[in-house]
């Protein structure tokens, strides 16, 4: 039987193809959230537009424009779109 890992619990960093080593991942610790060292945003694809009520403050009511958001991931997560970081990244 497969081991179930509780959501947001960091497993051992034994996967080389995890978010923190991906060229598309940007850590939030590098910007305005230094306390979120394990959290980042995936920039593999364009931001996703939302009209979710949770993000209603991001809707410009004068123009009807919506804000886009990149998927938030934890540094130990992984997916099938991983690409190695280039030197200097």
Protein backbone atom coordinates (compact mmCIF):
# COMPACT_ATOMS: atom_id res chain seq x y z
CA UNK A 1 0.00 0.00 0.00
CA UNK A 2 1.27 3.49 -0.85
CA UNK A 3 2.31 5.78 1.97
CA UNK A 4 -0.06 8.74 2.36
CA UNK A 5 1.74 12.05 2.99
CA UNK A 6 -0.41 14.69 4.72
CA UNK A 7 -1.04 17.78 2.61
CA UNK A 8 1.69 20.45 2.98
CA UNK A 9 4.03 18.12 4.85
CA UNK A 10 7.52 18.23 3.43
CA UNK A 11 8.84 14.82 2.34
CA UNK A 12 12.57 14.17 1.97
CA UNK A 13 14.15 16.15 -0.88
CA UNK A 14 15.23 13.06 -2.79
CA UNK A 15 13.62 14.01 -6.11
CA UNK A 16 15.91 16.03 -8.36
CA UNK A 17 12.91 17.16 -10.42
CA UNK A 18 11.08 19.13 -7.75
CA UNK A 19 9.77 22.70 -7.96
CA UNK A 20 12.70 24.38 -6.19
CA UNK A 21 15.11 23.07 -8.85
CA UNK A 22 12.86 23.96 -11.80
CA UNK A 23 13.58 26.90 -14.09
CA UNK A 24 9.90 27.91 -14.04
CA UNK A 25 9.56 28.18 -10.25
CA UNK A 26 10.00 31.46 -8.38
CA UNK A 27 10.34 31.36 -4.60
CA UNK A 28 8.26 33.83 -2.65
CA UNK A 29 11.13 34.21 -0.18
CA UNK A 30 12.95 36.23 -2.87
CA UNK A 31 10.28 38.94 -2.85
CA UNK A 32 7.73 40.33 -0.47
CA UNK A 33 7.24 37.13 1.55
CA UNK A 34 10.65 36.23 3.07
CA UNK A 35 8.99 34.01 5.68
CA UNK A 36 7.56 31.76 2.93
CA UNK A 37 10.83 30.08 1.95
CA UNK A 38 9.10 26.83 0.93
CA UNK A 39 6.36 28.50 -1.13
CA UNK A 40 6.61 29.77 -4.68
CA UNK A 41 4.83 30.34 -7.96
CA UNK A 42 5.01 28.20 -11.10
CA UNK A 43 5.59 30.30 -14.22
CA UNK A 44 5.49 27.42 -16.71
CA UNK A 45 2.25 28.71 -18.21
CA UNK A 46 0.57 32.15 -18.32
CA UNK A 47 -1.27 33.29 -15.20
CA UNK A 48 -4.76 31.95 -14.69
CA UNK A 49 -7.55 34.48 -14.70
CA UNK A 50 -10.04 34.31 -11.86
CA UNK A 51 -13.44 35.68 -11.02
CA UNK A 52 -13.48 33.85 -7.70
CA UNK A 53 -15.13 35.83 -4.92
CA UNK A 54 -12.10 35.14 -2.73
CA UNK A 55 -10.06 37.35 -5.06
CA UNK A 56 -12.74 40.01 -5.55
CA UNK A 57 -10.33 42.77 -4.46
CA UNK A 58 -8.27 42.01 -7.58
CA UNK A 59 -11.16 42.83 -9.92
CA UNK A 60 -11.06 46.35 -11.31
CA UNK A 61 -14.71 47.38 -11.04
CA UNK A 62 -14.29 50.39 -13.34
CA UNK A 63 -13.02 48.36 -16.30
CA UNK A 64 -14.26 44.86 -15.45
CA UNK A 65 -10.71 43.54 -15.76
CA UNK A 66 -9.64 40.48 -13.80
CA UNK A 67 -6.27 39.72 -12.24
CA UNK A 68 -4.22 36.66 -13.12
CA UNK A 69 -2.51 34.33 -10.69
CA UNK A 70 0.29 31.82 -11.10
CA UNK A 71 -0.25 28.45 -9.40
CA UNK A 72 1.24 28.38 -5.90
CA UNK A 73 3.33 25.33 -5.06
CA UNK A 74 5.60 24.10 -2.31
CA UNK A 75 9.31 23.68 -3.11
CA UNK A 76 9.18 19.87 -2.71
CA UNK A 77 6.29 19.32 -5.12
CA UNK A 78 6.85 18.14 -8.69
CA UNK A 79 5.04 17.74 -12.02
CA UNK A 80 5.65 16.49 -15.54
CA UNK A 81 6.67 19.94 -16.86
CA UNK A 82 9.93 20.26 -14.88
CA UNK A 83 12.95 21.75 -16.67
CA UNK A 84 16.44 22.23 -15.19
CA UNK A 85 17.53 25.70 -14.20
CA UNK A 86 20.01 27.33 -16.54
CA UNK A 87 23.32 28.57 -15.15
CA UNK A 88 22.85 31.89 -13.40
CA UNK A 89 19.18 31.34 -12.60
